[in-house]
Amino acid sequence: MTATHLDGLDKCDLHKRTPYGITNVRMTQFSIARHYGVVTFNGDTFIYFPDTDELVRDDVLKWKKKSQQKPRKQK
């Protein structure tokens, strides 16, 4: 099984008006994102990842990065 940028989103509480990600981009109308690296869909910005051929919403990427950071120790 190939790793994907959409792994670990089961606890993501962001809105679901648009999908968190879109896979197999080459086979969809979003294939234009392969050339520009980004596409906007229903007001949300999606970033293209050529290694996995998927689009991921930018706010989901920020959420994922923040959730993976280790909490800082209090003094």
PDB file of N, CA and C in Angstrom:
ATOM      1  N   MET A   1       0.831  -1.181   0.000  1.00  0.00           N
ATOM      2  CA  MET A   1       0.000   0.000   0.000  1.00  0.00           C
ATOM      3  C   MET A   1       0.878   1.247   0.000  1.00  0.00           C
ATOM      4  N   THR A   2       0.548   2.194  -0.814  1.00  0.00           N
ATOM      5  CA  THR A   2       1.324   3.414  -0.956  1.00  0.00           C
ATOM      6  C   THR A   2       0.886   4.449   0.082  1.00  0.00           C
ATOM      7  N   ALA A   3       1.859   5.138   0.653  1.00  0.00           N
ATOM      8  CA  ALA A   3       1.545   6.215   1.594  1.00  0.00           C
ATOM      9  C   ALA A   3       0.852   7.347   0.846  1.00  0.00           C
ATOM     10  N   THR A   4      -0.032   8.018   1.536  1.00  0.00           N
ATOM     11  CA  THR A   4      -0.780   9.109   0.937  1.00  0.00           C
ATOM     12  C   THR A   4      -0.787  10.300   1.894  1.00  0.00           C
ATOM     13  N   HIS A   5      -0.976  11.459   1.359  1.00  0.00           N
ATOM     14  CA  HIS A   5      -1.033  12.669   2.187  1.00  0.00           C
ATOM     15  C   HIS A   5      -2.362  12.764   2.923  1.00  0.00           C
ATOM     16  N   LEU A   6      -3.268  11.867   2.625  1.00  0.00           N
ATOM     17  CA  LEU A   6      -4.589  11.880   3.254  1.00  0.00           C
ATOM     18  C   LEU A   6      -4.687  10.917   4.437  1.00  0.00           C
ATOM     19  N   ASP A   7      -3.607  10.239   4.780  1.00  0.00           N
ATOM     20  CA  ASP A   7      -3.606   9.351   5.936  1.00  0.00           C
ATOM     21  C   ASP A   7      -3.715  10.159   7.225  1.00  0.00           C
ATOM     22  N   GLY A   8      -4.387   9.616   8.212  1.00  0.00           N
ATOM     23  CA  GLY A   8      -4.450  10.231   9.531  1.00  0.00           C
ATOM     24  C   GLY A   8      -5.450  11.358   9.666  1.00  0.00           C
ATOM     25  N   LEU A   9      -6.440  11.410   8.814  1.00  0.00           N
ATOM     26  CA  LEU A   9      -7.415  12.496   8.882  1.00  0.00           C
ATOM     27  C   LEU A   9      -8.711  12.078   9.571  1.00  0.00           C
ATOM     28  N   ASP A  10      -8.714  10.934  10.227  1.00  0.00           N
ATOM     29  CA  ASP A  10      -9.938  10.449  10.852  1.00  0.00           C
ATOM     30  C   ASP A  10     -10.412  11.348  12.000  1.00  0.00           C
ATOM     31  N   LYS A  11      -9.522  12.123  12.607  1.00  0.00           N
ATOM     32  CA  LYS A  11      -9.901  13.028  13.699  1.00  0.00           C
ATOM     33  C   LYS A  11      -9.967  14.488  13.261  1.00  0.00           C
ATOM     34  N   CYS A  12      -9.845  14.726  11.983  1.00  0.00           N
ATOM     35  CA  CYS A  12      -9.882  16.087  11.459  1.00  0.00           C
ATOM     36  C   CYS A  12     -11.302  16.636  11.578  1.00  0.00           C
ATOM     37  N   ASP A  13     -11.418  17.805  12.206  1.00  0.00           N
ATOM     38  CA  ASP A  13     -12.739  18.388  12.437  1.00  0.00           C
ATOM     39  C   ASP A  13     -13.017  19.606  11.550  1.00  0.00           C
ATOM     40  N   LEU A  14     -12.311  19.728  10.454  1.00  0.00           N
ATOM     41  CA  LEU A  14     -12.530  20.830   9.524  1.00  0.00           C
ATOM     42  C   LEU A  14     -13.814  20.595   8.727  1.00  0.00           C
ATOM     43  N   HIS A  15     -14.315  21.646   8.091  1.00  0.00           N
ATOM     44  CA  HIS A  15     -15.568  21.540   7.340  1.00  0.00           C
ATOM     45  C   HIS A  15     -15.464  20.499   6.228  1.00  0.00           C
ATOM     46  N   LYS A  16     -16.615  20.006   5.834  1.00  0.00           N
ATOM     47  CA  LYS A  16     -16.659  18.980   4.788  1.00  0.00           C
ATOM     48  C   LYS A  16     -17.497  19.422   3.593  1.00  0.00           C
ATOM     49  N   ARG A  17     -17.552  20.749   3.373  1.00  0.00           N
ATOM     50  CA  ARG A  17     -18.258  21.250   2.190  1.00  0.00           C
ATOM     51  C   ARG A  17     -17.563  20.809   0.913  1.00  0.00           C
ATOM     52  N   THR A  18     -16.251  20.691   0.981  1.00  0.00           N
ATOM     53  CA  THR A  18     -15.470  20.122  -0.113  1.00  0.00           C
ATOM     54  C   THR A  18     -14.652  18.983   0.473  1.00  0.00           C
ATOM     55  N   PRO A  19     -14.238  18.031  -0.342  1.00  0.00           N
ATOM     56  CA  PRO A  19     -13.491  16.888   0.193  1.00  0.00           C
ATOM     57  C   PRO A  19     -12.126  17.320   0.727  1.00  0.00           C
ATOM     58  N   TYR A  20     -11.603  16.544   1.674  1.00  0.00           N
ATOM     59  CA  TYR A  20     -10.262  16.807   2.200  1.00  0.00           C
ATOM     60  C   TYR A  20      -9.220  16.627   1.103  1.00  0.00           C
ATOM     61  N   GLY A  21      -9.465  15.705   0.203  1.00  0.00           N
ATOM     62  CA  GLY A  21      -8.526  15.451  -0.875  1.00  0.00           C
ATOM     63  C   GLY A  21      -9.187  14.746  -2.036  1.00  0.00           C
ATOM     64  N   ILE A  22      -8.478  14.756  -3.153  1.00  0.00           N
ATOM     65  CA  ILE A  22      -8.955  14.115  -4.379  1.00  0.00           C
ATOM     66  C   ILE A  22      -7.809  13.259  -4.903  1.00  0.00           C
ATOM     67  N   THR A  23      -8.077  11.982  -5.129  1.00  0.00           N
ATOM     68  CA  THR A  23      -7.042  11.076  -5.617  1.00  0.00           C
ATOM     69  C   THR A  23      -7.206  10.836  -7.117  1.00  0.00           C
ATOM     70  N   ASN A  24      -6.184  10.237  -7.714  1.00  0.00           N
ATOM     71  CA  ASN A  24      -6.178   9.943  -9.159  1.00  0.00           C
ATOM     72  C   ASN A  24      -6.516  11.182  -9.982  1.00  0.00           C
ATOM     73  N   VAL A  25      -5.820  12.238  -9.707  1.00  0.00           N
ATOM     74  CA  VAL A  25      -6.087  13.530 -10.337  1.00  0.00           C
ATOM     75  C   VAL A  25      -5.938  13.465 -11.847  1.00  0.00           C
ATOM     76  N   ARG A  26      -5.023  12.668 -12.341  1.00  0.00           N
ATOM     77  CA  ARG A  26      -4.798  12.590 -13.792  1.00  0.00           C
ATOM     78  C   ARG A  26      -6.033  12.146 -14.549  1.00  0.00           C
ATOM     79  N   MET A  27      -6.943  11.459 -13.861  1.00  0.00           N
ATOM     80  CA  MET A  27      -8.135  10.918 -14.506  1.00  0.00           C
ATOM     81  C   MET A  27      -9.372  11.790 -14.286  1.00  0.00           C
ATOM     82  N   THR A  28      -9.200  12.997 -13.774  1.00  0.00           N
ATOM     83  CA  THR A  28     -10.349  13.846 -13.448  1.00  0.00           C
ATOM     84  C   THR A  28     -10.255  15.192 -14.157  1.00  0.00           C
ATOM     85  N   GLN A  29     -11.294  15.998 -13.978  1.00  0.00           N
ATOM     86  CA  GLN A  29     -11.283  17.345 -14.544  1.00  0.00           C
ATOM     87  C   GLN A  29     -10.286  18.247 -13.819  1.00  0.00           C
ATOM     88  N   PHE A  30      -9.732  17.791 -12.696  1.00  0.00           N
ATOM     89  CA  PHE A  30      -8.751  18.580 -11.951  1.00  0.00           C
ATOM     90  C   PHE A  30      -7.318  18.361 -12.447  1.00  0.00           C
ATOM     91  N   SER A  31      -7.154  17.656 -13.529  1.00  0.00           N
ATOM     92  CA  SER A  31      -5.811  17.355 -14.030  1.00  0.00           C
ATOM     93  C   SER A  31      -5.026  18.623 -14.386  1.00  0.00           C
ATOM     94  N   ILE A  32      -5.687  19.738 -14.569  1.00  0.00           N
ATOM     95  CA  ILE A  32      -5.003  21.009 -14.830  1.00  0.00           C
ATOM     96  C   ILE A  32      -4.074  21.365 -13.670  1.00  0.00           C
ATOM     97  N   ALA A  33      -4.386  20.881 -12.476  1.00  0.00           N
ATOM     98  CA  ALA A  33      -3.553  21.148 -11.301  1.00  0.00           C
ATOM     99  C   ALA A  33      -2.158  20.551 -11.454  1.00  0.00           C
ATOM    100  N   ARG A  34      -2.012  19.531 -12.281  1.00  0.00           N
ATOM    101  CA  ARG A  34      -0.691  18.940 -12.507  1.00  0.00           C
ATOM    102  C   ARG A  34       0.263  19.963 -13.116  1.00  0.00           C
ATOM    103  N   HIS A  35      -0.250  20.898 -13.879  1.00  0.00           N
ATOM    104  CA  HIS A  35       0.584  21.886 -14.549  1.00  0.00           C
ATOM    105  C   HIS A  35       0.831  23.119 -13.688  1.00  0.00           C
ATOM    106  N   TYR A  36      -0.127  23.472 -12.845  1.00  0.00           N
ATOM    107  CA  TYR A  36      -0.020  24.687 -12.033  1.00  0.00           C
ATOM    108  C   TYR A  36       0.320  24.414 -10.573  1.00  0.00           C
ATOM    109  N   GLY A  37       0.113  23.175 -10.115  1.00  0.00           N
ATOM    110  CA  GLY A  37       0.438  22.820  -8.746  1.00  0.00           C
ATOM    111  C   GLY A  37      -0.628  23.176  -7.731  1.00  0.00           C
ATOM    112  N   VAL A  38      -1.659  23.840  -8.197  1.00  0.00           N
ATOM    113  CA  VAL A  38      -2.727  24.272  -7.298  1.00  0.00           C
ATOM    114  C   VAL A  38      -4.004  24.452  -8.101  1.00  0.00           C
ATOM    115  N   VAL A  39      -5.142  24.253  -7.441  1.00  0.00           N
ATOM    116  CA  VAL A  39      -6.435  24.474  -8.076  1.00  0.00           C
ATOM    117  C   VAL A  39      -7.411  24.925  -6.992  1.00  0.00           C
ATOM    118  N   THR A  40      -8.384  25.746  -7.386  1.00  0.00           N
ATOM    119  CA  THR A  40      -9.419  26.191  -6.465  1.00  0.00           C
ATOM    120  C   THR A  40     -10.728  25.510  -6.849  1.00  0.00           C
ATOM    121  N   PHE A  41     -11.397  24.950  -5.854  1.00  0.00           N
ATOM    122  CA  PHE A  41     -12.656  24.250  -6.070  1.00  0.00           C
ATOM    123  C   PHE A  41     -13.644  24.682  -4.991  1.00  0.00           C
ATOM    124  N   ASN A  42     -14.762  25.256  -5.385  1.00  0.00           N
ATOM    125  CA  ASN A  42     -15.788  25.749  -4.455  1.00  0.00           C
ATOM    126  C   ASN A  42     -15.205  26.646  -3.363  1.00  0.00           C
ATOM    127  N   GLY A  43     -14.232  27.464  -3.725  1.00  0.00           N
ATOM    128  CA  GLY A  43     -13.658  28.427  -2.792  1.00  0.00           C
ATOM    129  C   GLY A  43     -12.508  27.908  -1.958  1.00  0.00           C
ATOM    130  N   ASP A  44     -12.208  26.628  -2.019  1.00  0.00           N
ATOM    131  CA  ASP A  44     -11.093  26.057  -1.267  1.00  0.00           C
ATOM    132  C   ASP A  44      -9.922  25.793  -2.203  1.00  0.00           C
ATOM    133  N   THR A  45      -8.723  26.015  -1.687  1.00  0.00           N
ATOM    134  CA  THR A  45      -7.512  25.811  -2.468  1.00  0.00           C
ATOM    135  C   THR A  45      -6.954  24.423  -2.193  1.00  0.00           C
ATOM    136  N   PHE A  46      -6.622  23.714  -3.263  1.00  0.00           N
ATOM    137  CA  PHE A  46      -6.055  22.378  -3.177  1.00  0.00           C
ATOM    138  C   PHE A  46      -4.642  22.396  -3.747  1.00  0.00           C
ATOM    139  N   ILE A  47      -3.723  21.727  -3.068  1.00  0.00           N
ATOM    140  CA  ILE A  47      -2.328  21.613  -3.490  1.00  0.00           C
ATOM    141  C   ILE A  47      -2.134  20.250  -4.142  1.00  0.00           C
ATOM    142  N   TYR A  48      -1.407  20.235  -5.268  1.00  0.00           N
ATOM    143  CA  TYR A  48      -1.172  18.990  -5.997  1.00  0.00           C
ATOM    144  C   TYR A  48       0.133  18.343  -5.557  1.00  0.00           C
ATOM    145  N   PHE A  49       0.085  17.022  -5.316  1.00  0.00           N
ATOM    146  CA  PHE A  49       1.265  16.236  -4.975  1.00  0.00           C
ATOM    147  C   PHE A  49       1.487  15.201  -6.067  1.00  0.00           C
ATOM    148  N   PRO A  50       2.499  15.420  -6.926  1.00  0.00           N
ATOM    149  CA  PRO A  50       2.718  14.502  -8.051  1.00  0.00           C
ATOM    150  C   PRO A  50       3.149  13.102  -7.619  1.00  0.00           C
ATOM    151  N   ASP A  51       3.822  12.982  -6.467  1.00  0.00           N
ATOM    152  CA  ASP A  51       4.291  11.665  -6.036  1.00  0.00           C
ATOM    153  C   ASP A  51       3.147  10.703  -5.739  1.00  0.00           C
ATOM    154  N   THR A  52       2.011  11.229  -5.304  1.00  0.00           N
ATOM    155  CA  THR A  52       0.847  10.394  -5.013  1.00  0.00           C
ATOM    156  C   THR A  52      -0.327  10.691  -5.938  1.00  0.00           C
ATOM    157  N   ASP A  53      -0.169  11.639  -6.847  1.00  0.00           N
ATOM    158  CA  ASP A  53      -1.200  12.053  -7.802  1.00  0.00           C
ATOM    159  C   ASP A  53      -2.508  12.393  -7.089  1.00  0.00           C
ATOM    160  N   GLU A  54      -2.384  13.283  -6.100  1.00  0.00           N
ATOM    161  CA  GLU A  54      -3.569  13.691  -5.362  1.00  0.00           C
ATOM    162  C   GLU A  54      -3.547  15.174  -5.040  1.00  0.00           C
ATOM    163  N   LEU A  55      -4.729  15.698  -4.812  1.00  0.00           N
ATOM    164  CA  LEU A  55      -4.915  17.072  -4.373  1.00  0.00           C
ATOM    165  C   LEU A  55      -5.342  17.032  -2.911  1.00  0.00           C
ATOM    166  N   VAL A  56      -4.775  17.937  -2.094  1.00  0.00           N
ATOM    167  CA  VAL A  56      -5.139  18.025  -0.693  1.00  0.00           C
ATOM    168  C   VAL A  56      -5.443  19.474  -0.375  1.00  0.00           C
ATOM    169  N   ARG A  57      -6.550  19.700   0.331  1.00  0.00           N
ATOM    170  CA  ARG A  57      -6.941  21.055   0.712  1.00  0.00           C
ATOM    171  C   ARG A  57      -5.865  21.686   1.571  1.00  0.00           C
ATOM    172  N   ASP A  58      -5.581  22.972   1.349  1.00  0.00           N
ATOM    173  CA  ASP A  58      -4.504  23.630   2.076  1.00  0.00           C
ATOM    174  C   ASP A  58      -4.773  23.713   3.575  1.00  0.00           C
ATOM    175  N   ASP A  59      -6.021  23.914   4.010  1.00  0.00           N
ATOM    176  CA  ASP A  59      -6.294  23.969   5.444  1.00  0.00           C
ATOM    177  C   ASP A  59      -6.133  22.596   6.095  1.00  0.00           C
ATOM    178  N   VAL A  60      -6.348  21.536   5.335  1.00  0.00           N
ATOM    179  CA  VAL A  60      -6.140  20.182   5.848  1.00  0.00           C
ATOM    180  C   VAL A  60      -4.645  19.935   6.046  1.00  0.00           C
ATOM    181  N   LEU A  61      -3.835  20.414   5.112  1.00  0.00           N
ATOM    182  CA  LEU A  61      -2.384  20.276   5.262  1.00  0.00           C
ATOM    183  C   LEU A  61      -1.886  21.007   6.505  1.00  0.00           C
ATOM    184  N   LYS A  62      -2.409  22.216   6.747  1.00  0.00           N
ATOM    185  CA  LYS A  62      -2.025  22.973   7.944  1.00  0.00           C
ATOM    186  C   LYS A  62      -2.464  22.248   9.206  1.00  0.00           C
ATOM    187  N   TRP A  63      -3.680  21.705   9.201  1.00  0.00           N
ATOM    188  CA  TRP A  63      -4.191  20.963  10.351  1.00  0.00           C
ATOM    189  C   TRP A  63      -3.312  19.747  10.632  1.00  0.00           C
ATOM    190  N   LYS A  64      -2.961  19.029   9.567  1.00  0.00           N
ATOM    191  CA  LYS A  64      -2.146  17.823   9.707  1.00  0.00           C
ATOM    192  C   LYS A  64      -0.759  18.152  10.265  1.00  0.00           C
ATOM    193  N   LYS A  65      -0.161  19.223   9.757  1.00  0.00           N
ATOM    194  CA  LYS A  65       1.162  19.624  10.242  1.00  0.00           C
ATOM    195  C   LYS A  65       1.094  20.004  11.721  1.00  0.00           C
ATOM    196  N   LYS A  66       0.072  20.744  12.093  1.00  0.00           N
ATOM    197  CA  LYS A  66      -0.083  21.172  13.484  1.00  0.00           C
ATOM    198  C   LYS A  66      -0.332  19.973  14.393  1.00  0.00           C
ATOM    199  N   SER A  67      -1.121  19.014  13.946  1.00  0.00           N
ATOM    200  CA  SER A  67      -1.431  17.852  14.778  1.00  0.00           C
ATOM    201  C   SER A  67      -0.247  16.901  14.932  1.00  0.00           C
ATOM    202  N   GLN A  68       0.707  16.962  14.026  1.00  0.00           N
ATOM    203  CA  GLN A  68       1.887  16.097  14.102  1.00  0.00           C
ATOM    204  C   GLN A  68       2.998  16.684  14.932  1.00  0.00           C
ATOM    205  N   GLN A  69       2.914  17.962  15.247  1.00  0.00           N
ATOM    206  CA  GLN A  69       3.947  18.598  16.058  1.00  0.00           C
ATOM    207  C   GLN A  69       3.851  18.101  17.495  1.00  0.00           C
ATOM    208  N   LYS A  70       5.001  17.925  18.119  1.00  0.00           N
ATOM    209  CA  LYS A  70       5.031  17.498  19.513  1.00  0.00           C
ATOM    210  C   LYS A  70       4.700  18.705  20.391  1.00  0.00           C
ATOM    211  N   PRO A  71       3.900  18.493  21.424  1.00  0.00           N
ATOM    212  CA  PRO A  71       3.585  19.617  22.315  1.00  0.00           C
ATOM    213  C   PRO A  71       4.825  20.103  23.044  1.00  0.00           C
ATOM    214  N   ARG A  72       4.891  21.406  23.233  1.00  0.00           N
ATOM    215  CA  ARG A  72       6.033  21.992  23.934  1.00  0.00           C
ATOM    216  C   ARG A  72       5.890  21.750  25.425  1.00  0.00           C
ATOM    217  N   LYS A  73       7.014  21.595  26.086  1.00  0.00           N
ATOM    218  CA  LYS A  73       7.005  21.391  27.540  1.00  0.00           C
ATOM    219  C   LYS A  73       6.828  22.724  28.232  1.00  0.00           C
ATOM    220  N   GLN A  74       5.992  22.743  29.251  1.00  0.00           N
ATOM    221  CA  GLN A  74       5.769  23.930  30.062  1.00  0.00           C
ATOM    222  C   GLN A  74       6.931  24.083  31.041  1.00  0.00           C
ATOM    223  N   LYS A  75       7.319  25.329  31.322  1.00  0.00           N
ATOM    224  CA  LYS A  75       8.407  25.578  32.295  1.00  0.00           C
ATOM    225  C   LYS A  75       7.883  25.611  33.688  1.00  0.00           C
TER     226      LYS A  75
END
